[in-house]
Amino acid sequence: MLTNVTFTVEPLLLRKAREKAVQERKVLNVLFREWITGYVRQGRDGKYRDLMKKLSYASPGKKFTREELNER
């Protein structure tokens, strides 16, 4: 279920946003949902990137074959 949200925005900015959305063949509702999803994920993605930087020193030492990767 979706929830309605109300924003206050300058009329000129809204008009330009609508025009750009039309050029991209989207509507502002879809663009807002994409933006808010990315905004929420930002923190998680940042933590993941930080962890990967900390672990960047780790290396398997060689490239494994498909058979080696599938060994149990």
C-alpha atoms as a PDB file:
ATOM      1  CA  MET A   1       0.000   0.000   0.000  1.00  0.00           C
ATOM      2  CA  LEU A   2       1.331   3.410  -0.938  1.00  0.00           C
ATOM      3  CA  THR A   3       1.074   6.533   1.205  1.00  0.00           C
ATOM      4  CA  ASN A   4       0.411   9.991  -0.168  1.00  0.00           C
ATOM      5  CA  VAL A   5       3.034  12.641   0.585  1.00  0.00           C
ATOM      6  CA  THR A   6       2.620  16.402   0.197  1.00  0.00           C
ATOM      7  CA  PHE A   7       5.506  18.680  -0.766  1.00  0.00           C
ATOM      8  CA  THR A   8       5.884  22.416  -1.005  1.00  0.00           C
ATOM      9  CA  VAL A   9       7.859  23.459  -4.056  1.00  0.00           C
ATOM     10  CA  GLU A  10       8.303  26.564  -6.154  1.00  0.00           C
ATOM     11  CA  PRO A  11       6.010  26.507  -9.214  1.00  0.00           C
ATOM     12  CA  LEU A  12       8.883  27.068 -11.669  1.00  0.00           C
ATOM     13  CA  LEU A  13      10.896  24.203 -10.191  1.00  0.00           C
ATOM     14  CA  LEU A  14       7.879  21.908 -10.357  1.00  0.00           C
ATOM     15  CA  ARG A  15       7.228  22.816 -13.990  1.00  0.00           C
ATOM     16  CA  LYS A  16      10.852  22.130 -14.926  1.00  0.00           C
ATOM     17  CA  ALA A  17      10.773  18.811 -13.054  1.00  0.00           C
ATOM     18  CA  ARG A  18       7.614  17.758 -14.892  1.00  0.00           C
ATOM     19  CA  GLU A  19       9.130  18.731 -18.249  1.00  0.00           C
ATOM     20  CA  LYS A  20      12.270  16.735 -17.524  1.00  0.00           C
ATOM     21  CA  ALA A  21      10.198  13.753 -16.392  1.00  0.00           C
ATOM     22  CA  VAL A  22       8.255  13.861 -19.658  1.00  0.00           C
ATOM     23  CA  GLN A  23      11.543  13.844 -21.597  1.00  0.00           C
ATOM     24  CA  GLU A  24      12.593  10.756 -19.620  1.00  0.00           C
ATOM     25  CA  ARG A  25       9.153   9.197 -20.194  1.00  0.00           C
ATOM     26  CA  LYS A  26       8.500   9.010 -16.465  1.00  0.00           C
ATOM     27  CA  VAL A  27       6.222  10.671 -13.955  1.00  0.00           C
ATOM     28  CA  LEU A  28       7.282  12.508 -10.826  1.00  0.00           C
ATOM     29  CA  ASN A  29       5.755   9.837  -8.577  1.00  0.00           C
ATOM     30  CA  VAL A  30       8.034   7.181 -10.055  1.00  0.00           C
ATOM     31  CA  LEU A  31      11.056   9.462  -9.861  1.00  0.00           C
ATOM     32  CA  PHE A  32      10.312  10.265  -6.231  1.00  0.00           C
ATOM     33  CA  ARG A  33       9.997   6.561  -5.345  1.00  0.00           C
ATOM     34  CA  GLU A  34      13.334   5.890  -7.085  1.00  0.00           C
ATOM     35  CA  TRP A  35      14.950   8.768  -5.230  1.00  0.00           C
ATOM     36  CA  ILE A  36      13.641   7.803  -1.793  1.00  0.00           C
ATOM     37  CA  THR A  37      14.679   4.176  -2.317  1.00  0.00           C
ATOM     38  CA  GLY A  38      18.203   5.301  -3.169  1.00  0.00           C
ATOM     39  CA  TYR A  39      18.216   7.680  -0.224  1.00  0.00           C
ATOM     40  CA  VAL A  40      17.329   4.907   2.199  1.00  0.00           C
ATOM     41  CA  ARG A  41      19.917   2.531   0.700  1.00  0.00           C
ATOM     42  CA  GLN A  42      22.655   5.160   0.847  1.00  0.00           C
ATOM     43  CA  GLY A  43      23.574   4.322   4.430  1.00  0.00           C
ATOM     44  CA  ARG A  44      23.652   0.579   3.828  1.00  0.00           C
ATOM     45  CA  ASP A  45      25.625   0.913   0.593  1.00  0.00           C
ATOM     46  CA  GLY A  46      28.132   3.186   2.316  1.00  0.00           C
ATOM     47  CA  LYS A  47      28.673   0.653   5.091  1.00  0.00           C
ATOM     48  CA  TYR A  48      29.160  -2.093   2.497  1.00  0.00           C
ATOM     49  CA  ARG A  49      31.705  -0.015   0.577  1.00  0.00           C
ATOM     50  CA  ASP A  50      33.574   0.792   3.789  1.00  0.00           C
ATOM     51  CA  LEU A  51      33.720  -2.909   4.671  1.00  0.00           C
ATOM     52  CA  MET A  52      34.995  -3.814   1.198  1.00  0.00           C
ATOM     53  CA  LYS A  53      37.748  -1.181   1.512  1.00  0.00           C
ATOM     54  CA  LYS A  54      38.787  -2.648   4.863  1.00  0.00           C
ATOM     55  CA  LEU A  55      38.891  -6.130   3.344  1.00  0.00           C
ATOM     56  CA  SER A  56      40.628  -5.118   0.124  1.00  0.00           C
ATOM     57  CA  TYR A  57      43.897  -6.553   1.401  1.00  0.00           C
ATOM     58  CA  ALA A  58      42.443 -10.077   1.235  1.00  0.00           C
ATOM     59  CA  SER A  59      43.206 -12.061  -1.900  1.00  0.00           C
ATOM     60  CA  PRO A  60      42.621 -15.748  -2.722  1.00  0.00           C
ATOM     61  CA  GLY A  61      46.062 -15.877  -4.329  1.00  0.00           C
ATOM     62  CA  LYS A  62      44.845 -17.364  -7.590  1.00  0.00           C
ATOM     63  CA  LYS A  63      41.872 -17.532  -9.906  1.00  0.00           C
ATOM     64  CA  PHE A  64      39.760 -20.601  -9.194  1.00  0.00           C
ATOM     65  CA  THR A  65      38.306 -22.794 -11.917  1.00  0.00           C
ATOM     66  CA  ARG A  66      34.594 -23.531 -12.083  1.00  0.00           C
ATOM     67  CA  GLU A  67      35.249 -27.061 -10.824  1.00  0.00           C
ATOM     68  CA  GLU A  68      37.230 -25.788  -7.849  1.00  0.00           C
ATOM     69  CA  LEU A  69      34.510 -23.296  -6.963  1.00  0.00           C
ATOM     70  CA  ASN A  70      31.881 -26.055  -7.070  1.00  0.00           C
ATOM     71  CA  GLU A  71      33.814 -28.579  -4.957  1.00  0.00           C
ATOM     72  CA  ARG A  72      32.095 -29.501  -1.724  1.00  0.00           C
END
